[in-house]
Amino acid sequence: MNTLDAIRERRAVKHFDATHQITAAETDALIDLAMQAPSSFNIQHWRLVNVKDKALRVQLRAAAHDQAQVTDGSLLFVVTVDIKAWDKDPARYWVNAPKAA
């Protein structure tokens, strides 16, 4: 499938089998794929938080406008971003940049 078809055919799944449990191998594979996501200058300023605590997922569901998939999905990642990551050591992002001509 090419990229344009993938974008056109994507769907947001809203209903999950709350009894299904994803395997550790499947979770690891998904994390590995997520880690391939590019970021500008390879800052990698994002983190995935695997929310396993059921009580916390209930609280997150309330914050997510009561979307059932927050509690019913067998896996829930919260993506967090450090929007000031570039400011912590900006010189490291320019080490491999092409030199001005």
C-alpha atoms as a PDB file:
ATOM      1  CA  MET A   1       0.000   0.000   0.000  1.00  0.00           C
ATOM      2  CA  ASN A   2       1.358   3.404  -0.862  1.00  0.00           C
ATOM      3  CA  THR A   3       1.349   6.362   1.497  1.00  0.00           C
ATOM      4  CA  LEU A   4      -1.577   8.192  -0.087  1.00  0.00           C
ATOM      5  CA  ASP A   5      -3.767   5.081   0.047  1.00  0.00           C
ATOM      6  CA  ALA A   6      -2.783   4.476   3.669  1.00  0.00           C
ATOM      7  CA  ILE A   7      -3.797   8.028   4.587  1.00  0.00           C
ATOM      8  CA  ARG A   8      -7.106   7.795   2.719  1.00  0.00           C
ATOM      9  CA  GLU A   9      -8.001   4.383   4.136  1.00  0.00           C
ATOM     10  CA  ARG A  10      -7.078   4.949   7.769  1.00  0.00           C
ATOM     11  CA  ARG A  11      -9.820   4.620  10.314  1.00  0.00           C
ATOM     12  CA  ALA A  12     -10.170   5.594  13.951  1.00  0.00           C
ATOM     13  CA  VAL A  13     -11.274   2.582  15.959  1.00  0.00           C
ATOM     14  CA  LYS A  14     -13.681   3.536  18.733  1.00  0.00           C
ATOM     15  CA  HIS A  15     -14.777   0.151  20.108  1.00  0.00           C
ATOM     16  CA  PHE A  16     -12.485  -2.496  21.577  1.00  0.00           C
ATOM     17  CA  ASP A  17     -12.899  -5.936  23.113  1.00  0.00           C
ATOM     18  CA  ALA A  18     -12.256  -5.057  26.753  1.00  0.00           C
ATOM     19  CA  THR A  19     -11.337  -8.701  27.483  1.00  0.00           C
ATOM     20  CA  HIS A  20      -8.536  -8.881  24.906  1.00  0.00           C
ATOM     21  CA  GLN A  21      -5.002  -8.687  26.256  1.00  0.00           C
ATOM     22  CA  ILE A  22      -2.182  -7.631  23.968  1.00  0.00           C
ATOM     23  CA  THR A  23       0.988  -9.713  24.341  1.00  0.00           C
ATOM     24  CA  ALA A  24       4.323  -8.386  25.552  1.00  0.00           C
ATOM     25  CA  ALA A  25       5.803  -9.184  22.127  1.00  0.00           C
ATOM     26  CA  GLU A  26       3.089  -7.138  20.396  1.00  0.00           C
ATOM     27  CA  THR A  27       3.664  -4.254  22.805  1.00  0.00           C
ATOM     28  CA  ASP A  28       7.418  -4.373  22.180  1.00  0.00           C
ATOM     29  CA  ALA A  29       6.856  -4.385  18.416  1.00  0.00           C
ATOM     30  CA  LEU A  30       4.573  -1.332  18.640  1.00  0.00           C
ATOM     31  CA  ILE A  31       7.094   0.531  20.807  1.00  0.00           C
ATOM     32  CA  ASP A  32       9.850  -0.321  18.323  1.00  0.00           C
ATOM     33  CA  LEU A  33       7.762   1.080  15.466  1.00  0.00           C
ATOM     34  CA  ALA A  34       6.890   4.221  17.440  1.00  0.00           C
ATOM     35  CA  MET A  35      10.586   4.819  18.087  1.00  0.00           C
ATOM     36  CA  GLN A  36      11.103   5.087  14.324  1.00  0.00           C
ATOM     37  CA  ALA A  37       9.044   8.288  14.203  1.00  0.00           C
ATOM     38  CA  PRO A  38      11.271  11.134  13.045  1.00  0.00           C
ATOM     39  CA  SER A  39      11.811  14.361  14.878  1.00  0.00           C
ATOM     40  CA  SER A  40      13.501  17.532  13.750  1.00  0.00           C
ATOM     41  CA  PHE A  41      17.286  17.288  14.211  1.00  0.00           C
ATOM     42  CA  ASN A  42      16.611  13.900  15.840  1.00  0.00           C
ATOM     43  CA  ILE A  43      15.746  15.687  19.081  1.00  0.00           C
ATOM     44  CA  GLN A  44      13.513  12.757  20.110  1.00  0.00           C
ATOM     45  CA  HIS A  45      11.743  15.042  22.555  1.00  0.00           C
ATOM     46  CA  TRP A  46       8.798  12.706  23.041  1.00  0.00           C
ATOM     47  CA  ARG A  47       8.197   9.879  25.469  1.00  0.00           C
ATOM     48  CA  LEU A  48       5.627   7.105  25.470  1.00  0.00           C
ATOM     49  CA  VAL A  49       4.014   6.342  28.806  1.00  0.00           C
ATOM     50  CA  ASN A  50       2.398   2.912  28.927  1.00  0.00           C
ATOM     51  CA  VAL A  51      -0.545   3.375  31.289  1.00  0.00           C
ATOM     52  CA  LYS A  52      -1.276   0.012  32.910  1.00  0.00           C
ATOM     53  CA  ASP A  53      -2.961   1.149  36.129  1.00  0.00           C
ATOM     54  CA  LYS A  54      -6.716   0.656  35.670  1.00  0.00           C
ATOM     55  CA  ALA A  55      -7.666   3.364  38.179  1.00  0.00           C
ATOM     56  CA  LEU A  56      -5.447   5.868  36.387  1.00  0.00           C
ATOM     57  CA  ARG A  57      -6.992   4.881  33.061  1.00  0.00           C
ATOM     58  CA  VAL A  58     -10.439   5.649  34.524  1.00  0.00           C
ATOM     59  CA  GLN A  59      -9.182   9.114  35.493  1.00  0.00           C
ATOM     60  CA  LEU A  60      -7.686   9.606  32.037  1.00  0.00           C
ATOM     61  CA  ARG A  61     -10.963   8.540  30.454  1.00  0.00           C
ATOM     62  CA  ALA A  62     -12.741  11.304  32.365  1.00  0.00           C
ATOM     63  CA  ALA A  63     -10.146  13.794  31.099  1.00  0.00           C
ATOM     64  CA  ALA A  64     -10.564  12.415  27.548  1.00  0.00           C
ATOM     65  CA  HIS A  65     -14.267  13.324  27.331  1.00  0.00           C
ATOM     66  CA  ASP A  66     -15.303   9.845  28.505  1.00  0.00           C
ATOM     67  CA  GLN A  67     -13.928   8.037  25.455  1.00  0.00           C
ATOM     68  CA  ALA A  68     -14.413   4.321  26.108  1.00  0.00           C
ATOM     69  CA  GLN A  69     -11.269   3.292  24.251  1.00  0.00           C
ATOM     70  CA  VAL A  70      -9.155   4.805  27.052  1.00  0.00           C
ATOM     71  CA  THR A  71     -10.309   2.090  29.438  1.00  0.00           C
ATOM     72  CA  ASP A  72     -11.433  -0.627  27.015  1.00  0.00           C
ATOM     73  CA  GLY A  73      -8.306  -0.873  24.872  1.00  0.00           C
ATOM     74  CA  SER A  74      -5.811  -3.472  26.047  1.00  0.00           C
ATOM     75  CA  LEU A  75      -2.992  -0.967  25.612  1.00  0.00           C
ATOM     76  CA  LEU A  76      -2.889   2.757  26.298  1.00  0.00           C
ATOM     77  CA  PHE A  77       0.076   4.976  25.570  1.00  0.00           C
ATOM     78  CA  VAL A  78       0.142   8.618  26.520  1.00  0.00           C
ATOM     79  CA  VAL A  79       2.550  10.582  24.342  1.00  0.00           C
ATOM     80  CA  THR A  80       4.378  13.310  26.217  1.00  0.00           C
ATOM     81  CA  VAL A  81       6.584  15.996  24.687  1.00  0.00           C
ATOM     82  CA  ASP A  82       9.252  18.255  26.104  1.00  0.00           C
ATOM     83  CA  ILE A  83       8.663  21.426  24.077  1.00  0.00           C
ATOM     84  CA  LYS A  84      11.818  22.998  25.517  1.00  0.00           C
ATOM     85  CA  ALA A  85      14.123  20.034  24.741  1.00  0.00           C
ATOM     86  CA  TRP A  86      15.970  22.063  22.097  1.00  0.00           C
ATOM     87  CA  ASP A  87      16.942  24.622  24.741  1.00  0.00           C
ATOM     88  CA  LYS A  88      18.751  22.184  27.055  1.00  0.00           C
ATOM     89  CA  ASP A  89      21.827  21.648  24.872  1.00  0.00           C
ATOM     90  CA  PRO A  90      21.178  23.307  21.505  1.00  0.00           C
ATOM     91  CA  ALA A  91      24.741  22.863  20.241  1.00  0.00           C
ATOM     92  CA  ARG A  92      24.333  19.097  20.071  1.00  0.00           C
ATOM     93  CA  TYR A  93      21.729  19.449  17.308  1.00  0.00           C
ATOM     94  CA  TRP A  94      24.152  21.291  15.033  1.00  0.00           C
ATOM     95  CA  VAL A  95      27.111  18.895  15.357  1.00  0.00           C
ATOM     96  CA  ASN A  96      26.268  16.971  12.166  1.00  0.00           C
ATOM     97  CA  ALA A  97      24.592  19.812  10.274  1.00  0.00           C
ATOM     98  CA  PRO A  98      26.184  20.847   6.963  1.00  0.00           C
ATOM     99  CA  LYS A  99      28.612  23.732   7.323  1.00  0.00           C
ATOM    100  CA  ALA A 100      27.699  27.054   5.708  1.00  0.00           C
ATOM    101  CA  ALA A 101      29.287  27.551   2.302  1.00  0.00           C
END
